[in-house]
PDB file of N, CA and C in Angstrom:
ATOM      1  N   MET A   1       7.752 -15.862  14.889  1.00  0.00           N
ATOM      2  CA  MET A   1       8.557 -15.938  13.659  1.00  0.00           C
ATOM      3  C   MET A   1       8.300 -14.674  12.868  1.00  0.00           C
ATOM      4  N   ALA A   2       9.388 -14.064  12.394  1.00  0.00           N
ATOM      5  CA  ALA A   2       9.243 -12.822  11.545  1.00  0.00           C
ATOM      6  C   ALA A   2       8.939 -13.224  10.108  1.00  0.00           C
ATOM      7  N   ILE A   3       7.949 -12.501   9.591  1.00  0.00           N
ATOM      8  CA  ILE A   3       7.577 -12.720   8.175  1.00  0.00           C
ATOM      9  C   ILE A   3       8.067 -11.535   7.316  1.00  0.00           C
ATOM     10  N   ILE A   4       8.570 -11.935   6.156  1.00  0.00           N
ATOM     11  CA  ILE A   4       8.999 -10.899   5.163  1.00  0.00           C
ATOM     12  C   ILE A   4       8.062 -11.029   3.927  1.00  0.00           C
ATOM     13  N   VAL A   5       7.389  -9.858   3.626  1.00  0.00           N
ATOM     14  CA  VAL A   5       6.537  -9.824   2.502  1.00  0.00           C
ATOM     15  C   VAL A   5       7.339  -9.499   1.171  1.00  0.00           C
ATOM     16  N   LEU A   6       7.079 -10.237   0.165  1.00  0.00           N
ATOM     17  CA  LEU A   6       7.829 -10.035  -1.048  1.00  0.00           C
ATOM     18  C   LEU A   6       6.904  -9.942  -2.335  1.00  0.00           C
ATOM     19  N   GLN A   7       7.256  -9.110  -3.277  1.00  0.00           N
ATOM     20  CA  GLN A   7       6.565  -9.088  -4.576  1.00  0.00           C
ATOM     21  C   GLN A   7       7.314  -9.859  -5.608  1.00  0.00           C
ATOM     22  N   GLU A   8       6.624 -10.651  -6.269  1.00  0.00           N
ATOM     23  CA  GLU A   8       7.241 -11.304  -7.416  1.00  0.00           C
ATOM     24  C   GLU A   8       6.753 -10.510  -8.685  1.00  0.00           C
ATOM     25  N   MET A   9       7.714  -9.938  -9.341  1.00  0.00           N
ATOM     26  CA  MET A   9       7.477  -8.951 -10.428  1.00  0.00           C
ATOM     27  C   MET A   9       7.468  -9.694 -11.757  1.00  0.00           C
ATOM     28  N   ASP A  10       6.642  -9.203 -12.676  1.00  0.00           N
ATOM     29  CA  ASP A  10       6.468  -9.745 -13.993  1.00  0.00           C
ATOM     30  C   ASP A  10       7.012  -8.517 -14.942  1.00  0.00           C
ATOM     31  N   LYS A  11       8.152  -8.694 -15.572  1.00  0.00           N
ATOM     32  CA  LYS A  11       8.658  -7.546 -16.351  1.00  0.00           C
ATOM     33  C   LYS A  11       8.386  -7.857 -17.858  1.00  0.00           C
ATOM     34  N   GLN A  12       7.824  -6.885 -18.515  1.00  0.00           N
ATOM     35  CA  GLN A  12       7.405  -7.085 -19.895  1.00  0.00           C
ATOM     36  C   GLN A  12       8.058  -6.000 -20.779  1.00  0.00           C
ATOM     37  N   MET A  13       8.571  -6.389 -21.899  1.00  0.00           N
ATOM     38  CA  MET A  13       9.163  -5.369 -22.818  1.00  0.00           C
ATOM     39  C   MET A  13       8.002  -4.752 -23.593  1.00  0.00           C
ATOM     40  N   PRO A  14       8.298  -3.526 -24.132  1.00  0.00           N
ATOM     41  CA  PRO A  14       7.234  -2.984 -25.022  1.00  0.00           C
ATOM     42  C   PRO A  14       6.931  -3.792 -26.206  1.00  0.00           C
ATOM     43  N   SER A  15       5.602  -3.764 -26.588  1.00  0.00           N
ATOM     44  CA  SER A  15       5.240  -4.723 -27.659  1.00  0.00           C
ATOM     45  C   SER A  15       5.828  -4.388 -29.136  1.00  0.00           C
ATOM     46  N   ASP A  16       6.299  -3.149 -29.250  1.00  0.00           N
ATOM     47  CA  ASP A  16       6.867  -2.767 -30.595  1.00  0.00           C
ATOM     48  C   ASP A  16       8.351  -3.121 -30.593  1.00  0.00           C
ATOM     49  N   PHE A  17       8.927  -3.631 -29.512  1.00  0.00           N
ATOM     50  CA  PHE A  17      10.377  -3.915 -29.516  1.00  0.00           C
ATOM     51  C   PHE A  17      11.209  -2.854 -29.702  1.00  0.00           C
ATOM     52  N   GLY A  18      10.711  -1.577 -29.532  1.00  0.00           N
ATOM     53  CA  GLY A  18      11.550  -0.303 -29.595  1.00  0.00           C
ATOM     54  C   GLY A  18      12.284  -0.121 -28.300  1.00  0.00           C
ATOM     55  N   LEU A  19      12.982   1.007 -28.300  1.00  0.00           N
ATOM     56  CA  LEU A  19      13.807   1.309 -27.142  1.00  0.00           C
ATOM     57  C   LEU A  19      12.872   1.634 -25.973  1.00  0.00           C
ATOM     58  N   GLY A  20      13.349   1.378 -24.821  1.00  0.00           N
ATOM     59  CA  GLY A  20      12.479   1.642 -23.617  1.00  0.00           C
ATOM     60  C   GLY A  20      12.722   0.560 -22.552  1.00  0.00           C
ATOM     61  N   ALA A  21      12.413   0.936 -21.311  1.00  0.00           N
ATOM     62  CA  ALA A  21      12.597   0.027 -20.255  1.00  0.00           C
ATOM     63  C   ALA A  21      11.366  -0.906 -20.138  1.00  0.00           C
ATOM     64  N   ALA A  22      11.746  -2.051 -19.574  1.00  0.00           N
ATOM     65  CA  ALA A  22      10.581  -3.046 -19.372  1.00  0.00           C
ATOM     66  C   ALA A  22       9.602  -2.497 -18.318  1.00  0.00           C
ATOM     67  N   ALA A  23       8.396  -2.808 -18.546  1.00  0.00           N
ATOM     68  CA  ALA A  23       7.498  -2.368 -17.582  1.00  0.00           C
ATOM     69  C   ALA A  23       7.221  -3.474 -16.543  1.00  0.00           C
ATOM     70  N   SER A  24       7.163  -3.110 -15.267  1.00  0.00           N
ATOM     71  CA  SER A  24       7.048  -4.134 -14.221  1.00  0.00           C
ATOM     72  C   SER A  24       5.602  -4.205 -13.645  1.00  0.00           C
ATOM     73  N   PHE A  25       5.089  -5.334 -13.513  1.00  0.00           N
ATOM     74  CA  PHE A  25       3.766  -5.524 -12.880  1.00  0.00           C
ATOM     75  C   PHE A  25       3.908  -6.633 -11.815  1.00  0.00           C
ATOM     76  N   ILE A  26       3.116  -6.480 -10.747  1.00  0.00           N
ATOM     77  CA  ILE A  26       3.064  -7.450  -9.712  1.00  0.00           C
ATOM     78  C   ILE A  26       2.478  -8.763 -10.287  1.00  0.00           C
ATOM     79  N   ALA A  27       3.222  -9.799 -10.120  1.00  0.00           N
ATOM     80  CA  ALA A  27       2.719 -11.145 -10.533  1.00  0.00           C
ATOM     81  C   ALA A  27       2.059 -11.799  -9.327  1.00  0.00           C
ATOM     82  N   ALA A  28       2.736 -11.734  -8.123  1.00  0.00           N
ATOM     83  CA  ALA A  28       2.094 -12.393  -6.958  1.00  0.00           C
ATOM     84  C   ALA A  28       2.777 -11.717  -5.687  1.00  0.00           C
ATOM     85  N   VAL A  29       2.181 -11.804  -4.671  1.00  0.00           N
ATOM     86  CA  VAL A  29       2.769 -11.311  -3.324  1.00  0.00           C
ATOM     87  C   VAL A  29       2.975 -12.640  -2.462  1.00  0.00           C
ATOM     88  N   HIS A  30       4.192 -12.836  -2.071  1.00  0.00           N
ATOM     89  CA  HIS A  30       4.618 -14.035  -1.293  1.00  0.00           C
ATOM     90  C   HIS A  30       5.062 -13.651   0.162  1.00  0.00           C
ATOM     91  N   ALA A  31       5.165 -14.687   0.977  1.00  0.00           N
ATOM     92  CA  ALA A  31       5.639 -14.422   2.291  1.00  0.00           C
ATOM     93  C   ALA A  31       6.819 -15.376   2.473  1.00  0.00           C
ATOM     94  N   ALA A  32       7.869 -14.946   3.169  1.00  0.00           N
ATOM     95  CA  ALA A  32       9.052 -15.713   3.488  1.00  0.00           C
ATOM     96  C   ALA A  32       9.366 -15.618   4.869  1.00  0.00           C
ATOM     97  N   PRO A  33       9.964 -16.576   5.539  1.00  0.00           N
ATOM     98  CA  PRO A  33      10.518 -16.447   6.812  1.00  0.00           C
ATOM     99  C   PRO A  33      11.754 -15.507   6.768  1.00  0.00           C
ATOM    100  N   ALA A  34      12.066 -14.815   7.908  1.00  0.00           N
ATOM    101  CA  ALA A  34      13.255 -13.991   7.934  1.00  0.00           C
ATOM    102  C   ALA A  34      14.520 -14.823   7.993  1.00  0.00           C
ATOM    103  N   ASP A  35      15.533 -14.395   7.380  1.00  0.00           N
ATOM    104  CA  ASP A  35      16.877 -15.097   7.436  1.00  0.00           C
ATOM    105  C   ASP A  35      17.311 -15.112   8.895  1.00  0.00           C
ATOM    106  N   PRO A  36      17.548 -16.313   9.457  1.00  0.00           N
ATOM    107  CA  PRO A  36      17.989 -16.340  10.846  1.00  0.00           C
ATOM    108  C   PRO A  36      19.367 -15.534  11.131  1.00  0.00           C
ATOM    109  N   ASP A  37      20.199 -15.503  10.111  1.00  0.00           N
ATOM    110  CA  ASP A  37      21.514 -14.826  10.249  1.00  0.00           C
ATOM    111  C   ASP A  37      21.447 -13.310  10.007  1.00  0.00           C
ATOM    112  N   VAL A  38      20.404 -12.848   9.122  1.00  0.00           N
ATOM    113  CA  VAL A  38      20.345 -11.462   8.826  1.00  0.00           C
ATOM    114  C   VAL A  38      18.922 -10.996   8.977  1.00  0.00           C
ATOM    115  N   PRO A  39      18.522 -10.604  10.223  1.00  0.00           N
ATOM    116  CA  PRO A  39      17.207 -10.142  10.412  1.00  0.00           C
ATOM    117  C   PRO A  39      16.762  -9.038   9.495  1.00  0.00           C
ATOM    118  N   GLY A  40      15.524  -9.073   8.958  1.00  0.00           N
ATOM    119  CA  GLY A  40      15.153  -8.030   8.015  1.00  0.00           C
ATOM    120  C   GLY A  40      15.295  -8.482   6.659  1.00  0.00           C
ATOM    121  N   ASP A  41      16.107  -9.570   6.368  1.00  0.00           N
ATOM    122  CA  ASP A  41      16.222 -10.149   5.007  1.00  0.00           C
ATOM    123  C   ASP A  41      15.415 -11.448   4.996  1.00  0.00           C
ATOM    124  N   PRO A  42      14.924 -11.739   3.840  1.00  0.00           N
ATOM    125  CA  PRO A  42      14.224 -13.006   3.645  1.00  0.00           C
ATOM    126  C   PRO A  42      15.036 -14.236   3.559  1.00  0.00           C
ATOM    127  N   ASP A  43      14.698 -15.346   3.980  1.00  0.00           N
ATOM    128  CA  ASP A  43      15.362 -16.635   3.824  1.00  0.00           C
ATOM    129  C   ASP A  43      15.425 -16.970   2.360  1.00  0.00           C
ATOM    130  N   ASP A  44      16.047 -18.020   1.983  1.00  0.00           N
ATOM    131  CA  ASP A  44      16.219 -18.384   0.573  1.00  0.00           C
ATOM    132  C   ASP A  44      14.936 -18.769  -0.172  1.00  0.00           C
ATOM    133  N   ARG A  45      13.885 -19.192   0.490  1.00  0.00           N
ATOM    134  CA  ARG A  45      12.657 -19.710  -0.159  1.00  0.00           C
ATOM    135  C   ARG A  45      11.416 -19.039   0.560  1.00  0.00           C
ATOM    136  N   THR A  46      10.392 -18.813  -0.192  1.00  0.00           N
ATOM    137  CA  THR A  46       9.124 -18.357   0.317  1.00  0.00           C
ATOM    138  C   THR A  46       8.444 -19.641   0.991  1.00  0.00           C
ATOM    139  N   PHE A  47       7.230 -19.262   1.668  1.00  0.00           N
ATOM    140  CA  PHE A  47       6.614 -20.357   2.315  1.00  0.00           C
ATOM    141  C   PHE A  47       5.967 -21.366   1.262  1.00  0.00           C
ATOM    142  N   CYS A  48       5.794 -20.950   0.033  1.00  0.00           N
ATOM    143  CA  CYS A  48       5.331 -21.820  -0.962  1.00  0.00           C
ATOM    144  C   CYS A  48       6.440 -22.512  -1.782  1.00  0.00           C
ATOM    145  N   GLY A  49       7.713 -22.228  -1.373  1.00  0.00           N
ATOM    146  CA  GLY A  49       8.820 -22.944  -2.020  1.00  0.00           C
ATOM    147  C   GLY A  49       9.526 -22.218  -3.133  1.00  0.00           C
ATOM    148  N   ARG A  50       9.053 -21.086  -3.499  1.00  0.00           N
ATOM    149  CA  ARG A  50       9.725 -20.298  -4.597  1.00  0.00           C
ATOM    150  C   ARG A  50      10.998 -19.698  -4.075  1.00  0.00           C
ATOM    151  N   PRO A  51      12.066 -19.550  -4.904  1.00  0.00           N
ATOM    152  CA  PRO A  51      13.309 -18.765  -4.471  1.00  0.00           C
ATOM    153  C   PRO A  51      13.004 -17.387  -4.320  1.00  0.00           C
ATOM    154  N   THR A  52      13.481 -16.760  -3.340  1.00  0.00           N
ATOM    155  CA  THR A  52      13.328 -15.326  -3.105  1.00  0.00           C
ATOM    156  C   THR A  52      14.221 -14.349  -3.817  1.00  0.00           C
ATOM    157  N   LEU A  53      15.210 -14.974  -4.423  1.00  0.00           N
ATOM    158  CA  LEU A  53      16.166 -14.182  -5.218  1.00  0.00           C
ATOM    159  C   LEU A  53      15.442 -13.485  -6.356  1.00  0.00           C
ATOM    160  N   GLY A  54      15.576 -12.180  -6.488  1.00  0.00           N
ATOM    161  CA  GLY A  54      14.977 -11.413  -7.536  1.00  0.00           C
ATOM    162  C   GLY A  54      13.623 -10.872  -7.137  1.00  0.00           C
ATOM    163  N   MET A  55      12.969 -11.316  -5.915  1.00  0.00           N
ATOM    164  CA  MET A  55      11.757 -10.683  -5.556  1.00  0.00           C
ATOM    165  C   MET A  55      12.063  -9.359  -4.676  1.00  0.00           C
ATOM    166  N   GLU A  56      11.102  -8.552  -4.771  1.00  0.00           N
ATOM    167  CA  GLU A  56      11.316  -7.213  -4.111  1.00  0.00           C
ATOM    168  C   GLU A  56      10.597  -7.154  -2.818  1.00  0.00           C
ATOM    169  N   PRO A  57      11.224  -6.688  -1.732  1.00  0.00           N
ATOM    170  CA  PRO A  57      10.514  -6.629  -0.449  1.00  0.00           C
ATOM    171  C   PRO A  57       9.397  -5.594  -0.447  1.00  0.00           C
ATOM    172  N   VAL A  58       8.370  -5.820   0.255  1.00  0.00           N
ATOM    173  CA  VAL A  58       7.303  -4.883   0.492  1.00  0.00           C
ATOM    174  C   VAL A  58       7.435  -4.316   1.852  1.00  0.00           C
ATOM    175  N   PRO A  59       7.489  -2.955   1.929  1.00  0.00           N
ATOM    176  CA  PRO A  59       7.665  -2.398   3.279  1.00  0.00           C
ATOM    177  C   PRO A  59       6.401  -2.504   4.205  1.00  0.00           C
ATOM    178  N   TYR A  60       6.212  -3.673   4.774  1.00  0.00           N
ATOM    179  CA  TYR A  60       4.988  -3.928   5.515  1.00  0.00           C
ATOM    180  C   TYR A  60       5.381  -5.000   6.558  1.00  0.00           C
ATOM    181  N   GLU A  61       4.874  -4.808   7.756  1.00  0.00           N
ATOM    182  CA  GLU A  61       4.965  -5.804   8.835  1.00  0.00           C
ATOM    183  C   GLU A  61       3.570  -5.926   9.439  1.00  0.00           C
ATOM    184  N   PRO A  62       3.173  -7.251   9.684  1.00  0.00           N
ATOM    185  CA  PRO A  62       1.871  -7.417  10.353  1.00  0.00           C
ATOM    186  C   PRO A  62       1.871  -6.785  11.649  1.00  0.00           C
ATOM    187  N   ALA A  63       0.714  -6.238  12.049  1.00  0.00           N
ATOM    188  CA  ALA A  63       0.617  -5.518  13.327  1.00  0.00           C
ATOM    189  C   ALA A  63       0.787  -6.448  14.534  1.00  0.00           C
ATOM    190  N   GLY A  64       0.535  -7.684  14.410  1.00  0.00           N
ATOM    191  CA  GLY A  64       0.632  -8.733  15.494  1.00  0.00           C
ATOM    192  C   GLY A  64      -0.115  -9.930  15.124  1.00  0.00           C
ATOM    193  N   PRO A  65      -0.151 -10.926  16.064  1.00  0.00           N
ATOM    194  CA  PRO A  65      -0.906 -12.108  15.817  1.00  0.00           C
ATOM    195  C   PRO A  65      -2.317 -11.847  15.349  1.00  0.00           C
ATOM    196  N   GLY A  66      -2.702 -12.618  14.329  1.00  0.00           N
ATOM    197  CA  GLY A  66      -4.082 -12.523  13.774  1.00  0.00           C
ATOM    198  C   GLY A  66      -4.273 -11.393  12.812  1.00  0.00           C
ATOM    199  N   ALA A  67      -3.200 -10.632  12.610  1.00  0.00           N
ATOM    200  CA  ALA A  67      -3.253  -9.459  11.615  1.00  0.00           C
ATOM    201  C   ALA A  67      -2.995  -9.978  10.224  1.00  0.00           C
ATOM    202  N   PRO A  68      -3.505  -9.461   9.190  1.00  0.00           N
ATOM    203  CA  PRO A  68      -3.196  -9.946   7.786  1.00  0.00           C
ATOM    204  C   PRO A  68      -1.779  -9.924   7.574  1.00  0.00           C
ATOM    205  N   TRP A  69      -1.257 -10.954   6.811  1.00  0.00           N
ATOM    206  CA  TRP A  69       0.175 -10.977   6.633  1.00  0.00           C
ATOM    207  C   TRP A  69       0.624 -10.126   5.477  1.00  0.00           C
ATOM    208  N   LEU A  70      -0.244  -9.580   4.669  1.00  0.00           N
ATOM    209  CA  LEU A  70       0.084  -8.702   3.554  1.00  0.00           C
ATOM    210  C   LEU A  70      -0.920  -7.456   3.653  1.00  0.00           C
ATOM    211  N   PRO A  71      -0.362  -6.486   3.001  1.00  0.00           N
ATOM    212  CA  PRO A  71      -1.306  -5.192   2.931  1.00  0.00           C
ATOM    213  C   PRO A  71      -2.603  -5.449   2.293  1.00  0.00           C
ATOM    214  N   LEU A  72      -3.677  -4.825   2.809  1.00  0.00           N
ATOM    215  CA  LEU A  72      -5.014  -5.047   2.189  1.00  0.00           C
ATOM    216  C   LEU A  72      -5.065  -4.735   0.823  1.00  0.00           C
ATOM    217  N   ASN A  73      -4.333  -3.726   0.425  1.00  0.00           N
ATOM    218  CA  ASN A  73      -4.419  -3.325  -1.077  1.00  0.00           C
ATOM    219  C   ASN A  73      -3.706  -4.318  -1.969  1.00  0.00           C
ATOM    220  N   MET A  74      -3.055  -5.323  -1.383  1.00  0.00           N
ATOM    221  CA  MET A  74      -2.396  -6.299  -2.283  1.00  0.00           C
ATOM    222  C   MET A  74      -3.090  -7.710  -2.198  1.00  0.00           C
ATOM    223  N   ARG A  75      -4.205  -7.778  -1.694  1.00  0.00           N
ATOM    224  CA  ARG A  75      -4.941  -9.055  -1.522  1.00  0.00           C
ATOM    225  C   ARG A  75      -5.279  -9.681  -2.873  1.00  0.00           C
ATOM    226  N   GLY A  76      -5.389  -8.850  -3.963  1.00  0.00           N
ATOM    227  CA  GLY A  76      -5.540  -9.530  -5.289  1.00  0.00           C
ATOM    228  C   GLY A  76      -4.357 -10.272  -5.805  1.00  0.00           C
ATOM    229  N   TRP A  77      -3.241 -10.053  -5.258  1.00  0.00           N
ATOM    230  CA  TRP A  77      -1.996 -10.791  -5.739  1.00  0.00           C
ATOM    231  C   TRP A  77      -1.572 -11.813  -4.690  1.00  0.00           C
ATOM    232  N   GLU A  78      -2.225 -12.111  -3.674  1.00  0.00           N
ATOM    233  CA  GLU A  78      -1.850 -13.014  -2.619  1.00  0.00           C
ATOM    234  C   GLU A  78      -1.563 -14.435  -3.142  1.00  0.00           C
ATOM    235  N   CYS A  79      -0.404 -14.937  -2.828  1.00  0.00           N
ATOM    236  CA  CYS A  79      -0.091 -16.301  -3.123  1.00  0.00           C
ATOM    237  C   CYS A  79      -0.921 -17.234  -2.286  1.00  0.00           C
ATOM    238  N   PRO A  80      -1.798 -18.037  -2.879  1.00  0.00           N
ATOM    239  CA  PRO A  80      -2.703 -18.917  -2.103  1.00  0.00           C
ATOM    240  C   PRO A  80      -1.847 -20.002  -1.274  1.00  0.00           C
ATOM    241  N   ASP A  81      -0.691 -20.374  -1.880  1.00  0.00           N
ATOM    242  CA  ASP A  81       0.061 -21.465  -1.183  1.00  0.00           C
ATOM    243  C   ASP A  81       0.799 -20.783   0.089  1.00  0.00           C
ATOM    244  N   CYS A  82       1.289 -19.576  -0.040  1.00  0.00           N
ATOM    245  CA  CYS A  82       1.926 -18.970   1.092  1.00  0.00           C
ATOM    246  C   CYS A  82       0.819 -18.718   2.138  1.00  0.00           C
ATOM    247  N   ALA A  83      -0.378 -18.285   1.701  1.00  0.00           N
ATOM    248  CA  ALA A  83      -1.404 -18.018   2.663  1.00  0.00           C
ATOM    249  C   ALA A  83      -1.762 -19.291   3.456  1.00  0.00           C
ATOM    250  N   ALA A  84      -1.944 -20.463   2.695  1.00  0.00           N
ATOM    251  CA  ALA A  84      -2.228 -21.687   3.304  1.00  0.00           C
ATOM    252  C   ALA A  84      -1.074 -22.198   4.334  1.00  0.00           C
ATOM    253  N   ALA A  85       0.121 -21.913   3.904  1.00  0.00           N
ATOM    254  CA  ALA A  85       1.231 -22.273   4.819  1.00  0.00           C
ATOM    255  C   ALA A  85       1.223 -21.453   6.151  1.00  0.00           C
ATOM    256  N   LEU A  86       0.874 -20.221   5.975  1.00  0.00           N
ATOM    257  CA  LEU A  86       0.804 -19.410   7.184  1.00  0.00           C
ATOM    258  C   LEU A  86      -0.340 -19.689   8.127  1.00  0.00           C
ATOM    259  N   ARG A  87      -1.375 -20.301   7.615  1.00  0.00           N
ATOM    260  CA  ARG A  87      -2.574 -20.683   8.388  1.00  0.00           C
ATOM    261  C   ARG A  87      -2.311 -21.931   9.177  1.00  0.00           C
ATOM    262  N   THR A  88      -1.346 -22.735   8.765  1.00  0.00           N
ATOM    263  CA  THR A  88      -1.085 -24.018   9.558  1.00  0.00           C
ATOM    264  C   THR A  88      -0.088 -23.843  10.609  1.00  0.00           C
TER     265      THR A  88
END
């Protein structure tokens, strides 16, 4: 099964409510199955059940069976429910 790694972003407006773009921060990193009709795109929901719409893909593919499903530098944002679903 192909796994697509996705970032759930938290966008915050400047605290002074002045002009400027919202700052984006990683809220969580999720895993989703690949869409069976469009390889390389995520299915509609992550393994934890969240909708994938609006999430950003992470350019990462696990090296093979037993390899981490997300990049090591993103472990701090790992979704525990996606991780548990991938272990079963």
